Amino acid sequence: MDAHDTPLKANRFQVLLALSEGPLHGFAIREVVEERTNGGMILWPATLYGVLRDLAEVGWIAELEGAEAPDDDARRKYYELTPDGRGRLLDEARRLEGWAAAARAGLRPEESG
């Protein structure tokens, strides 16, 4: 997996961002990402669970033990953002903000909205 000084893949960034609001199960993460990106990113199960596995391996997310809603499917696994994951998300957000600022600075006023 990437170190802190390399860009995150967009799907990893979106999963971390979805979990920044609190623990979620896989399907809920998928829904949050799809809604947040206005349908621009759909995390199909193989991709989503690969991303979750990778993020857990580097310690940026963790599976919550015994976390499920009373009427929830017992097979669902819930994930939460770790402090390292929150730090990585903030680093990436700052990097993207810098790139966006550079892009806006390079655009003519009528192009930048």
PDB file of N, CA and C in Angstrom:
ATOM      1  N   MET A   1       0.852  -1.188   0.000  1.00  0.00           N
ATOM      2  CA  MET A   1       0.000   0.000   0.000  1.00  0.00           C
ATOM      3  C   MET A   1       0.879   1.225   0.000  1.00  0.00           C
ATOM      4  N   ASP A   2       0.319   2.311  -0.434  1.00  0.00           N
ATOM      5  CA  ASP A   2       1.030   3.569  -0.547  1.00  0.00           C
ATOM      6  C   ASP A   2       1.477   4.099   0.811  1.00  0.00           C
ATOM      7  N   ALA A   3       2.590   4.775   0.818  1.00  0.00           N
ATOM      8  CA  ALA A   3       3.032   5.463   2.025  1.00  0.00           C
ATOM      9  C   ALA A   3       2.279   6.782   2.139  1.00  0.00           C
ATOM     10  N   HIS A   4       2.518   7.498   3.210  1.00  0.00           N
ATOM     11  CA  HIS A   4       1.804   8.758   3.440  1.00  0.00           C
ATOM     12  C   HIS A   4       2.125   9.825   2.399  1.00  0.00           C
ATOM     13  N   ASP A   5       3.260   9.718   1.721  1.00  0.00           N
ATOM     14  CA  ASP A   5       3.651  10.772   0.796  1.00  0.00           C
ATOM     15  C   ASP A   5       3.235  10.509  -0.644  1.00  0.00           C
ATOM     16  N   THR A   6       2.464   9.478  -0.889  1.00  0.00           N
ATOM     17  CA  THR A   6       1.981   9.206  -2.237  1.00  0.00           C
ATOM     18  C   THR A   6       0.468   9.385  -2.283  1.00  0.00           C
ATOM     19  N   PRO A   7      -0.058   9.785  -3.434  1.00  0.00           N
ATOM     20  CA  PRO A   7      -1.513  10.003  -3.520  1.00  0.00           C
ATOM     21  C   PRO A   7      -2.301   8.715  -3.251  1.00  0.00           C
ATOM     22  N   LEU A   8      -3.435   8.897  -2.624  1.00  0.00           N
ATOM     23  CA  LEU A   8      -4.355   7.775  -2.413  1.00  0.00           C
ATOM     24  C   LEU A   8      -5.158   7.551  -3.682  1.00  0.00           C
ATOM     25  N   LYS A   9      -5.474   6.314  -3.975  1.00  0.00           N
ATOM     26  CA  LYS A   9      -6.415   6.047  -5.057  1.00  0.00           C
ATOM     27  C   LYS A   9      -7.764   6.642  -4.644  1.00  0.00           C
ATOM     28  N   ALA A  10      -8.510   7.087  -5.648  1.00  0.00           N
ATOM     29  CA  ALA A  10      -9.777   7.761  -5.373  1.00  0.00           C
ATOM     30  C   ALA A  10     -10.734   6.889  -4.561  1.00  0.00           C
ATOM     31  N   ASN A  11     -10.779   5.589  -4.846  1.00  0.00           N
ATOM     32  CA  ASN A  11     -11.722   4.749  -4.103  1.00  0.00           C
ATOM     33  C   ASN A  11     -11.310   4.607  -2.629  1.00  0.00           C
ATOM     34  N   ARG A  12     -10.023   4.585  -2.363  1.00  0.00           N
ATOM     35  CA  ARG A  12      -9.558   4.518  -0.966  1.00  0.00           C
ATOM     36  C   ARG A  12      -9.877   5.820  -0.231  1.00  0.00           C
ATOM     37  N   PHE A  13      -9.657   6.932  -0.915  1.00  0.00           N
ATOM     38  CA  PHE A  13      -9.990   8.232  -0.323  1.00  0.00           C
ATOM     39  C   PHE A  13     -11.472   8.286   0.028  1.00  0.00           C
ATOM     40  N   GLN A  14     -12.323   7.861  -0.891  1.00  0.00           N
ATOM     41  CA  GLN A  14     -13.769   7.927  -0.650  1.00  0.00           C
ATOM     42  C   GLN A  14     -14.208   7.010   0.494  1.00  0.00           C
ATOM     43  N   VAL A  15     -13.594   5.850   0.619  1.00  0.00           N
ATOM     44  CA  VAL A  15     -13.943   4.945   1.733  1.00  0.00           C
ATOM     45  C   VAL A  15     -13.525   5.570   3.061  1.00  0.00           C
ATOM     46  N   LEU A  16     -12.319   6.123   3.121  1.00  0.00           N
ATOM     47  CA  LEU A  16     -11.885   6.791   4.360  1.00  0.00           C
ATOM     48  C   LEU A  16     -12.817   7.958   4.684  1.00  0.00           C
ATOM     49  N   LEU A  17     -13.187   8.717   3.668  1.00  0.00           N
ATOM     50  CA  LEU A  17     -14.073   9.862   3.880  1.00  0.00           C
ATOM     51  C   LEU A  17     -15.440   9.409   4.397  1.00  0.00           C
ATOM     52  N   ALA A  18     -15.960   8.326   3.845  1.00  0.00           N
ATOM     53  CA  ALA A  18     -17.261   7.812   4.307  1.00  0.00           C
ATOM     54  C   ALA A  18     -17.172   7.404   5.782  1.00  0.00           C
ATOM     55  N   LEU A  19     -16.065   6.794   6.169  1.00  0.00           N
ATOM     56  CA  LEU A  19     -15.913   6.330   7.556  1.00  0.00           C
ATOM     57  C   LEU A  19     -15.562   7.467   8.519  1.00  0.00           C
ATOM     58  N   SER A  20     -15.228   8.637   7.984  1.00  0.00           N
ATOM     59  CA  SER A  20     -14.902   9.766   8.866  1.00  0.00           C
ATOM     60  C   SER A  20     -16.118  10.246   9.640  1.00  0.00           C
ATOM     61  N   GLU A  21     -17.302   9.872   9.187  1.00  0.00           N
ATOM     62  CA  GLU A  21     -18.534  10.293   9.847  1.00  0.00           C
ATOM     63  C   GLU A  21     -19.002   9.287  10.885  1.00  0.00           C
ATOM     64  N   GLY A  22     -18.345   8.135  10.968  1.00  0.00           N
ATOM     65  CA  GLY A  22     -18.700   7.126  11.949  1.00  0.00           C
ATOM     66  C   GLY A  22     -18.653   5.741  11.341  1.00  0.00           C
ATOM     67  N   PRO A  23     -18.758   4.701  12.186  1.00  0.00           N
ATOM     68  CA  PRO A  23     -18.679   3.325  11.694  1.00  0.00           C
ATOM     69  C   PRO A  23     -19.820   3.003  10.722  1.00  0.00           C
ATOM     70  N   LEU A  24     -19.472   2.232   9.711  1.00  0.00           N
ATOM     71  CA  LEU A  24     -20.445   1.793   8.710  1.00  0.00           C
ATOM     72  C   LEU A  24     -20.135   0.363   8.287  1.00  0.00           C
ATOM     73  N   HIS A  25     -21.145  -0.332   7.777  1.00  0.00           N
ATOM     74  CA  HIS A  25     -20.904  -1.638   7.159  1.00  0.00           C
ATOM     75  C   HIS A  25     -20.673  -1.421   5.672  1.00  0.00           C
ATOM     76  N   GLY A  26     -20.210  -2.468   4.999  1.00  0.00           N
ATOM     77  CA  GLY A  26     -19.800  -2.346   3.614  1.00  0.00           C
ATOM     78  C   GLY A  26     -20.847  -1.754   2.688  1.00  0.00           C
ATOM     79  N   PHE A  27     -22.069  -2.237   2.760  1.00  0.00           N
ATOM     80  CA  PHE A  27     -23.098  -1.733   1.850  1.00  0.00           C
ATOM     81  C   PHE A  27     -23.381  -0.252   2.107  1.00  0.00           C
ATOM     82  N   ALA A  28     -23.359   0.145   3.376  1.00  0.00           N
ATOM     83  CA  ALA A  28     -23.585   1.554   3.702  1.00  0.00           C
ATOM     84  C   ALA A  28     -22.446   2.420   3.169  1.00  0.00           C
ATOM     85  N   ILE A  29     -21.216   1.913   3.245  1.00  0.00           N
ATOM     86  CA  ILE A  29     -20.073   2.652   2.680  1.00  0.00           C
ATOM     87  C   ILE A  29     -20.305   2.857   1.194  1.00  0.00           C
ATOM     88  N   ARG A  30     -20.701   1.800   0.527  1.00  0.00           N
ATOM     89  CA  ARG A  30     -20.964   1.892  -0.915  1.00  0.00           C
ATOM     90  C   ARG A  30     -22.010   2.961  -1.213  1.00  0.00           C
ATOM     91  N   GLU A  31     -23.096   2.979  -0.426  1.00  0.00           N
ATOM     92  CA  GLU A  31     -24.163   3.963  -0.646  1.00  0.00           C
ATOM     93  C   GLU A  31     -23.678   5.388  -0.405  1.00  0.00           C
ATOM     94  N   VAL A  32     -22.909   5.590   0.665  1.00  0.00           N
ATOM     95  CA  VAL A  32     -22.397   6.931   0.975  1.00  0.00           C
ATOM     96  C   VAL A  32     -21.499   7.429  -0.157  1.00  0.00           C
ATOM     97  N   VAL A  33     -20.618   6.562  -0.627  1.00  0.00           N
ATOM     98  CA  VAL A  33     -19.697   6.962  -1.703  1.00  0.00           C
ATOM     99  C   VAL A  33     -20.473   7.286  -2.973  1.00  0.00           C
ATOM    100  N   GLU A  34     -21.424   6.452  -3.314  1.00  0.00           N
ATOM    101  CA  GLU A  34     -22.199   6.696  -4.530  1.00  0.00           C
ATOM    102  C   GLU A  34     -22.966   8.012  -4.430  1.00  0.00           C
ATOM    103  N   GLU A  35     -23.563   8.262  -3.261  1.00  0.00           N
ATOM    104  CA  GLU A  35     -24.313   9.505  -3.074  1.00  0.00           C
ATOM    105  C   GLU A  35     -23.386  10.716  -3.088  1.00  0.00           C
ATOM    106  N   ARG A  36     -22.259  10.622  -2.366  1.00  0.00           N
ATOM    107  CA  ARG A  36     -21.334  11.749  -2.268  1.00  0.00           C
ATOM    108  C   ARG A  36     -20.738  12.119  -3.631  1.00  0.00           C
ATOM    109  N   THR A  37     -20.557  11.124  -4.483  1.00  0.00           N
ATOM    110  CA  THR A  37     -19.965  11.393  -5.801  1.00  0.00           C
ATOM    111  C   THR A  37     -21.041  11.548  -6.884  1.00  0.00           C
ATOM    112  N   ASN A  38     -22.291  11.682  -6.469  1.00  0.00           N
ATOM    113  CA  ASN A  38     -23.408  11.815  -7.420  1.00  0.00           C
ATOM    114  C   ASN A  38     -23.398  10.710  -8.464  1.00  0.00           C
ATOM    115  N   GLY A  39     -23.116   9.497  -8.009  1.00  0.00           N
ATOM    116  CA  GLY A  39     -23.105   8.347  -8.898  1.00  0.00           C
ATOM    117  C   GLY A  39     -21.839   8.214  -9.725  1.00  0.00           C
ATOM    118  N   GLY A  40     -20.892   9.090  -9.503  1.00  0.00           N
ATOM    119  CA  GLY A  40     -19.648   9.054 -10.256  1.00  0.00           C
ATOM    120  C   GLY A  40     -18.715   7.923  -9.855  1.00  0.00           C
ATOM    121  N   MET A  41     -18.917   7.383  -8.653  1.00  0.00           N
ATOM    122  CA  MET A  41     -18.102   6.259  -8.215  1.00  0.00           C
ATOM    123  C   MET A  41     -19.014   5.207  -7.591  1.00  0.00           C
ATOM    124  N   ILE A  42     -19.033   4.061  -8.187  1.00  0.00           N
ATOM    125  CA  ILE A  42     -19.791   2.932  -7.654  1.00  0.00           C
ATOM    126  C   ILE A  42     -18.782   1.866  -7.264  1.00  0.00           C
ATOM    127  N   LEU A  43     -18.791   1.497  -5.996  1.00  0.00           N
ATOM    128  CA  LEU A  43     -17.851   0.492  -5.499  1.00  0.00           C
ATOM    129  C   LEU A  43     -18.524  -0.874  -5.555  1.00  0.00           C
ATOM    130  N   TRP A  44     -18.190  -1.632  -6.587  1.00  0.00           N
ATOM    131  CA  TRP A  44     -18.734  -2.984  -6.695  1.00  0.00           C
ATOM    132  C   TRP A  44     -18.117  -3.841  -5.613  1.00  0.00           C
ATOM    133  N   PRO A  45     -18.783  -4.908  -5.186  1.00  0.00           N
ATOM    134  CA  PRO A  45     -18.317  -5.677  -4.017  1.00  0.00           C
ATOM    135  C   PRO A  45     -16.849  -6.097  -4.078  1.00  0.00           C
ATOM    136  N   ALA A  46     -16.369  -6.597  -5.191  1.00  0.00           N
ATOM    137  CA  ALA A  46     -14.968  -7.048  -5.236  1.00  0.00           C
ATOM    138  C   ALA A  46     -14.016  -5.881  -4.966  1.00  0.00           C
ATOM    139  N   THR A  47     -14.329  -4.726  -5.539  1.00  0.00           N
ATOM    140  CA  THR A  47     -13.488  -3.539  -5.318  1.00  0.00           C
ATOM    141  C   THR A  47     -13.611  -3.066  -3.877  1.00  0.00           C
ATOM    142  N   LEU A  48     -14.843  -2.931  -3.414  1.00  0.00           N
ATOM    143  CA  LEU A  48     -15.069  -2.419  -2.061  1.00  0.00           C
ATOM    144  C   LEU A  48     -14.363  -3.287  -1.025  1.00  0.00           C
ATOM    145  N   TYR A  49     -14.553  -4.593  -1.077  1.00  0.00           N
ATOM    146  CA  TYR A  49     -13.974  -5.442  -0.033  1.00  0.00           C
ATOM    147  C   TYR A  49     -12.458  -5.562  -0.190  1.00  0.00           C
ATOM    148  N   GLY A  50     -11.945  -5.397  -1.399  1.00  0.00           N
ATOM    149  CA  GLY A  50     -10.492  -5.322  -1.579  1.00  0.00           C
ATOM    150  C   GLY A  50      -9.930  -4.058  -0.939  1.00  0.00           C
ATOM    151  N   VAL A  51     -10.618  -2.947  -1.136  1.00  0.00           N
ATOM    152  CA  VAL A  51     -10.189  -1.685  -0.530  1.00  0.00           C
ATOM    153  C   VAL A  51     -10.259  -1.792   0.994  1.00  0.00           C
ATOM    154  N   LEU A  52     -11.341  -2.341   1.509  1.00  0.00           N
ATOM    155  CA  LEU A  52     -11.471  -2.486   2.971  1.00  0.00           C
ATOM    156  C   LEU A  52     -10.349  -3.357   3.528  1.00  0.00           C
ATOM    157  N   ARG A  53     -10.039  -4.440   2.837  1.00  0.00           N
ATOM    158  CA  ARG A  53      -8.953  -5.323   3.287  1.00  0.00           C
ATOM    159  C   ARG A  53      -7.619  -4.574   3.296  1.00  0.00           C
ATOM    160  N   ASP A  54      -7.349  -3.840   2.208  1.00  0.00           N
ATOM    161  CA  ASP A  54      -6.085  -3.104   2.106  1.00  0.00           C
ATOM    162  C   ASP A  54      -5.971  -2.023   3.188  1.00  0.00           C
ATOM    163  N   LEU A  55      -7.049  -1.282   3.399  1.00  0.00           N
ATOM    164  CA  LEU A  55      -7.018  -0.216   4.404  1.00  0.00           C
ATOM    165  C   LEU A  55      -6.863  -0.786   5.811  1.00  0.00           C
ATOM    166  N   ALA A  56      -7.451  -1.945   6.063  1.00  0.00           N
ATOM    167  CA  ALA A  56      -7.286  -2.591   7.376  1.00  0.00           C
ATOM    168  C   ALA A  56      -5.851  -3.089   7.554  1.00  0.00           C
ATOM    169  N   GLU A  57      -5.264  -3.594   6.486  1.00  0.00           N
ATOM    170  CA  GLU A  57      -3.885  -4.107   6.579  1.00  0.00           C
ATOM    171  C   GLU A  57      -2.882  -3.021   6.952  1.00  0.00           C
ATOM    172  N   VAL A  58      -3.102  -1.803   6.482  1.00  0.00           N
ATOM    173  CA  VAL A  58      -2.174  -0.721   6.835  1.00  0.00           C
ATOM    174  C   VAL A  58      -2.592   0.003   8.121  1.00  0.00           C
ATOM    175  N   GLY A  59      -3.708  -0.413   8.701  1.00  0.00           N
ATOM    176  CA  GLY A  59      -4.134   0.143   9.980  1.00  0.00           C
ATOM    177  C   GLY A  59      -4.902   1.446   9.890  1.00  0.00           C
ATOM    178  N   TRP A  60      -5.456   1.754   8.725  1.00  0.00           N
ATOM    179  CA  TRP A  60      -6.201   3.008   8.580  1.00  0.00           C
ATOM    180  C   TRP A  60      -7.677   2.836   8.904  1.00  0.00           C
ATOM    181  N   ILE A  61      -8.157   1.610   8.883  1.00  0.00           N
ATOM    182  CA  ILE A  61      -9.510   1.297   9.354  1.00  0.00           C
ATOM    183  C   ILE A  61      -9.408   0.035  10.207  1.00  0.00           C
ATOM    184  N   ALA A  62     -10.451  -0.203  11.003  1.00  0.00           N
ATOM    185  CA  ALA A  62     -10.490  -1.416  11.825  1.00  0.00           C
ATOM    186  C   ALA A  62     -11.907  -1.943  11.832  1.00  0.00           C
ATOM    187  N   GLU A  63     -12.009  -3.243  11.898  1.00  0.00           N
ATOM    188  CA  GLU A  63     -13.324  -3.863  12.003  1.00  0.00           C
ATOM    189  C   GLU A  63     -13.792  -3.771  13.449  1.00  0.00           C
ATOM    190  N   LEU A  64     -15.042  -3.384  13.623  1.00  0.00           N
ATOM    191  CA  LEU A  64     -15.615  -3.300  14.962  1.00  0.00           C
ATOM    192  C   LEU A  64     -16.175  -4.660  15.334  1.00  0.00           C
ATOM    193  N   GLU A  65     -15.815  -5.139  16.478  1.00  0.00           N
ATOM    194  CA  GLU A  65     -16.321  -6.429  16.952  1.00  0.00           C
ATOM    195  C   GLU A  65     -17.668  -6.220  17.642  1.00  0.00           C
ATOM    196  N   GLY A  66     -18.643  -7.034  17.288  1.00  0.00           N
ATOM    197  CA  GLY A  66     -19.939  -7.014  17.954  1.00  0.00           C
ATOM    198  C   GLY A  66     -20.772  -5.779  17.709  1.00  0.00           C
ATOM    199  N   ALA A  67     -20.446  -5.009  16.680  1.00  0.00           N
ATOM    200  CA  ALA A  67     -21.202  -3.798  16.393  1.00  0.00           C
ATOM    201  C   ALA A  67     -22.247  -4.085  15.337  1.00  0.00           C
ATOM    202  N   GLU A  68     -23.472  -4.103  15.726  1.00  0.00           N
ATOM    203  CA  GLU A  68     -24.556  -4.237  14.768  1.00  0.00           C
ATOM    204  C   GLU A  68     -25.828  -3.658  15.379  1.00  0.00           C
ATOM    205  N   ALA A  69     -26.662  -3.117  14.525  1.00  0.00           N
ATOM    206  CA  ALA A  69     -27.937  -2.578  14.970  1.00  0.00           C
ATOM    207  C   ALA A  69     -28.843  -3.744  15.346  1.00  0.00           C
ATOM    208  N   PRO A  70     -29.797  -3.522  16.266  1.00  0.00           N
ATOM    209  CA  PRO A  70     -30.657  -4.617  16.727  1.00  0.00           C
ATOM    210  C   PRO A  70     -31.395  -5.341  15.602  1.00  0.00           C
ATOM    211  N   ASP A  71     -31.813  -4.639  14.581  1.00  0.00           N
ATOM    212  CA  ASP A  71     -32.546  -5.269  13.488  1.00  0.00           C
ATOM    213  C   ASP A  71     -31.666  -5.492  12.262  1.00  0.00           C
ATOM    214  N   ASP A  72     -30.373  -5.497  12.465  1.00  0.00           N
ATOM    215  CA  ASP A  72     -29.428  -5.596  11.362  1.00  0.00           C
ATOM    216  C   ASP A  72     -29.093  -7.059  11.068  1.00  0.00           C
ATOM    217  N   ASP A  73     -28.547  -7.280   9.887  1.00  0.00           N
ATOM    218  CA  ASP A  73     -28.077  -8.596   9.472  1.00  0.00           C
ATOM    219  C   ASP A  73     -26.803  -8.927  10.256  1.00  0.00           C
ATOM    220  N   ALA A  74     -26.818 -10.036  10.972  1.00  0.00           N
ATOM    221  CA  ALA A  74     -25.678 -10.413  11.814  1.00  0.00           C
ATOM    222  C   ALA A  74     -24.413 -10.682  11.006  1.00  0.00           C
ATOM    223  N   ARG A  75     -24.539 -10.892   9.695  1.00  0.00           N
ATOM    224  CA  ARG A  75     -23.358 -11.162   8.864  1.00  0.00           C
ATOM    225  C   ARG A  75     -22.586  -9.898   8.512  1.00  0.00           C
ATOM    226  N   ARG A  76     -23.196  -8.754   8.730  1.00  0.00           N
ATOM    227  CA  ARG A  76     -22.536  -7.501   8.355  1.00  0.00           C
ATOM    228  C   ARG A  76     -21.365  -7.201   9.278  1.00  0.00           C
ATOM    229  N   LYS A  77     -20.293  -6.727   8.666  1.00  0.00           N
ATOM    230  CA  LYS A  77     -19.131  -6.289   9.425  1.00  0.00           C
ATOM    231  C   LYS A  77     -19.097  -4.769   9.386  1.00  0.00           C
ATOM    232  N   TYR A  78     -18.865  -4.181  10.539  1.00  0.00           N
ATOM    233  CA  TYR A  78     -18.761  -2.727  10.623  1.00  0.00           C
ATOM    234  C   TYR A  78     -17.296  -2.329  10.705  1.00  0.00           C
ATOM    235  N   TYR A  79     -16.995  -1.204  10.090  1.00  0.00           N
ATOM    236  CA  TYR A  79     -15.629  -0.687  10.057  1.00  0.00           C
ATOM    237  C   TYR A  79     -15.613   0.730  10.613  1.00  0.00           C
ATOM    238  N   GLU A  80     -14.469   1.075  11.214  1.00  0.00           N
ATOM    239  CA  GLU A  80     -14.293   2.439  11.707  1.00  0.00           C
ATOM    240  C   GLU A  80     -12.938   2.966  11.280  1.00  0.00           C
ATOM    241  N   LEU A  81     -12.837   4.278  11.216  1.00  0.00           N
ATOM    242  CA  LEU A  81     -11.589   4.941  10.880  1.00  0.00           C
ATOM    243  C   LEU A  81     -10.698   4.932  12.122  1.00  0.00           C
ATOM    244  N   THR A  82      -9.429   4.623  11.959  1.00  0.00           N
ATOM    245  CA  THR A  82      -8.482   4.675  13.081  1.00  0.00           C
ATOM    246  C   THR A  82      -7.854   6.072  13.124  1.00  0.00           C
ATOM    247  N   PRO A  83      -7.175   6.421  14.199  1.00  0.00           N
ATOM    248  CA  PRO A  83      -6.473   7.723  14.226  1.00  0.00           C
ATOM    249  C   PRO A  83      -5.471   7.847  13.074  1.00  0.00           C
ATOM    250  N   ASP A  84      -4.747   6.780  12.743  1.00  0.00           N
ATOM    251  CA  ASP A  84      -3.825   6.829  11.599  1.00  0.00           C
ATOM    252  C   ASP A  84      -4.599   7.065  10.294  1.00  0.00           C
ATOM    253  N   GLY A  85      -5.748   6.440  10.164  1.00  0.00           N
ATOM    254  CA  GLY A  85      -6.568   6.624   8.973  1.00  0.00           C
ATOM    255  C   GLY A  85      -7.083   8.049   8.862  1.00  0.00           C
ATOM    256  N   ARG A  86      -7.480   8.622   9.982  1.00  0.00           N
ATOM    257  CA  ARG A  86      -7.951  10.023   9.964  1.00  0.00           C
ATOM    258  C   ARG A  86      -6.798  10.953   9.564  1.00  0.00           C
ATOM    259  N   GLY A  87      -5.608  10.682  10.077  1.00  0.00           N
ATOM    260  CA  GLY A  87      -4.449  11.491   9.703  1.00  0.00           C
ATOM    261  C   GLY A  87      -4.140  11.373   8.221  1.00  0.00           C
ATOM    262  N   ARG A  88      -4.222  10.162   7.696  1.00  0.00           N
ATOM    263  CA  ARG A  88      -3.955   9.950   6.266  1.00  0.00           C
ATOM    264  C   ARG A  88      -5.002  10.640   5.412  1.00  0.00           C
ATOM    265  N   LEU A  89      -6.258  10.593   5.850  1.00  0.00           N
ATOM    266  CA  LEU A  89      -7.342  11.271   5.123  1.00  0.00           C
ATOM    267  C   LEU A  89      -7.103  12.784   5.103  1.00  0.00           C
ATOM    268  N   LEU A  90      -6.707  13.356   6.244  1.00  0.00           N
ATOM    269  CA  LEU A  90      -6.448  14.797   6.295  1.00  0.00           C
ATOM    270  C   LEU A  90      -5.261  15.173   5.420  1.00  0.00           C
ATOM    271  N   ASP A  91      -4.205  14.351   5.438  1.00  0.00           N
ATOM    272  CA  ASP A  91      -3.049  14.614   4.566  1.00  0.00           C
ATOM    273  C   ASP A  91      -3.478  14.636   3.099  1.00  0.00           C
ATOM    274  N   GLU A  92      -4.293  13.667   2.717  1.00  0.00           N
ATOM    275  CA  GLU A  92      -4.727  13.587   1.323  1.00  0.00           C
ATOM    276  C   GLU A  92      -5.641  14.757   0.963  1.00  0.00           C
ATOM    277  N   ALA A  93      -6.527  15.140   1.878  1.00  0.00           N
ATOM    278  CA  ALA A  93      -7.417  16.282   1.612  1.00  0.00           C
ATOM    279  C   ALA A  93      -6.593  17.557   1.402  1.00  0.00           C
ATOM    280  N   ARG A  94      -5.556  17.744   2.200  1.00  0.00           N
ATOM    281  CA  ARG A  94      -4.689  18.934   2.046  1.00  0.00           C
ATOM    282  C   ARG A  94      -3.967  18.891   0.692  1.00  0.00           C
ATOM    283  N   ARG A  95      -3.494  17.702   0.306  1.00  0.00           N
ATOM    284  CA  ARG A  95      -2.797  17.569  -0.971  1.00  0.00           C
ATOM    285  C   ARG A  95      -3.750  17.918  -2.120  1.00  0.00           C
ATOM    286  N   LEU A  96      -4.972  17.410  -2.062  1.00  0.00           N
ATOM    287  CA  LEU A  96      -5.954  17.691  -3.113  1.00  0.00           C
ATOM    288  C   LEU A  96      -6.339  19.169  -3.140  1.00  0.00           C
ATOM    289  N   GLU A  97      -6.449  19.777  -1.951  1.00  0.00           N
ATOM    290  CA  GLU A  97      -6.750  21.207  -1.894  1.00  0.00           C
ATOM    291  C   GLU A  97      -5.653  22.021  -2.584  1.00  0.00           C
ATOM    292  N   GLY A  98      -4.413  21.626  -2.379  1.00  0.00           N
ATOM    293  CA  GLY A  98      -3.295  22.312  -3.026  1.00  0.00           C
ATOM    294  C   GLY A  98      -3.367  22.197  -4.539  1.00  0.00           C
ATOM    295  N   TRP A  99      -3.676  21.021  -5.018  1.00  0.00           N
ATOM    296  CA  TRP A  99      -3.797  20.828  -6.466  1.00  0.00           C
ATOM    297  C   TRP A  99      -4.966  21.637  -7.022  1.00  0.00           C
ATOM    298  N   ALA A 100      -6.087  21.655  -6.297  1.00  0.00           N
ATOM    299  CA  ALA A 100      -7.252  22.422  -6.765  1.00  0.00           C
ATOM    300  C   ALA A 100      -6.925  23.910  -6.795  1.00  0.00           C
ATOM    301  N   ALA A 101      -6.218  24.399  -5.793  1.00  0.00           N
ATOM    302  CA  ALA A 101      -5.844  25.819  -5.764  1.00  0.00           C
ATOM    303  C   ALA A 101      -4.921  26.141  -6.936  1.00  0.00           C
ATOM    304  N   ALA A 102      -3.985  25.259  -7.223  1.00  0.00           N
ATOM    305  CA  ALA A 102      -3.073  25.475  -8.352  1.00  0.00           C
ATOM    306  C   ALA A 102      -3.849  25.477  -9.670  1.00  0.00           C
ATOM    307  N   ALA A 103      -4.824  24.605  -9.789  1.00  0.00           N
ATOM    308  CA  ALA A 103      -5.630  24.556 -11.014  1.00  0.00           C
ATOM    309  C   ALA A 103      -6.445  25.833 -11.169  1.00  0.00           C
ATOM    310  N   ARG A 104      -7.053  26.285 -10.065  1.00  0.00           N
ATOM    311  CA  ARG A 104      -7.846  27.528 -10.132  1.00  0.00           C
ATOM    312  C   ARG A 104      -6.962  28.719 -10.491  1.00  0.00           C
ATOM    313  N   ALA A 105      -5.758  28.749  -9.958  1.00  0.00           N
ATOM    314  CA  ALA A 105      -4.836  29.855 -10.236  1.00  0.00           C
ATOM    315  C   ALA A 105      -4.430  29.870 -11.702  1.00  0.00           C
ATOM    316  N   GLY A 106      -4.399  28.705 -12.329  1.00  0.00           N
ATOM    317  CA  GLY A 106      -4.001  28.626 -13.721  1.00  0.00           C
ATOM    318  C   GLY A 106      -5.120  28.866 -14.703  1.00  0.00           C
ATOM    319  N   LEU A 107      -6.353  28.881 -14.211  1.00  0.00           N
ATOM    320  CA  LEU A 107      -7.498  29.088 -15.093  1.00  0.00           C
ATOM    321  C   LEU A 107      -7.778  30.576 -15.269  1.00  0.00           C
ATOM    322  N   ARG A 108      -8.301  30.915 -16.435  1.00  0.00           N
ATOM    323  CA  ARG A 108      -8.754  32.290 -16.631  1.00  0.00           C
ATOM    324  C   ARG A 108      -9.995  32.505 -15.766  1.00  0.00           C
ATOM    325  N   PRO A 109     -10.260  33.742 -15.319  1.00  0.00           N
ATOM    326  CA  PRO A 109     -11.411  34.003 -14.440  1.00  0.00           C
ATOM    327  C   PRO A 109     -12.723  33.442 -14.974  1.00  0.00           C
ATOM    328  N   GLU A 110     -12.971  33.554 -16.274  1.00  0.00           N
ATOM    329  CA  GLU A 110     -14.241  33.061 -16.812  1.00  0.00           C
ATOM    330  C   GLU A 110     -14.321  31.535 -16.798  1.00  0.00           C
ATOM    331  N   GLU A 111     -13.186  30.841 -16.652  1.00  0.00           N
ATOM    332  CA  GLU A 111     -13.181  29.383 -16.612  1.00  0.00           C
ATOM    333  C   GLU A 111     -13.331  28.837 -15.200  1.00  0.00           C
ATOM    334  N   SER A 112     -12.956  29.622 -14.195  1.00  0.00           N
ATOM    335  CA  SER A 112     -12.940  29.108 -12.829  1.00  0.00           C
ATOM    336  C   SER A 112     -14.267  29.256 -12.117  1.00  0.00           C
ATOM    337  N   GLY A 113     -15.259  29.814 -12.759  1.00  0.00           N
ATOM    338  CA  GLY A 113     -16.588  29.858 -12.193  1.00  0.00           C
ATOM    339  C   GLY A 113     -16.744  31.014 -11.322  1.00  0.00           C
TER     340      GLY A 113
END
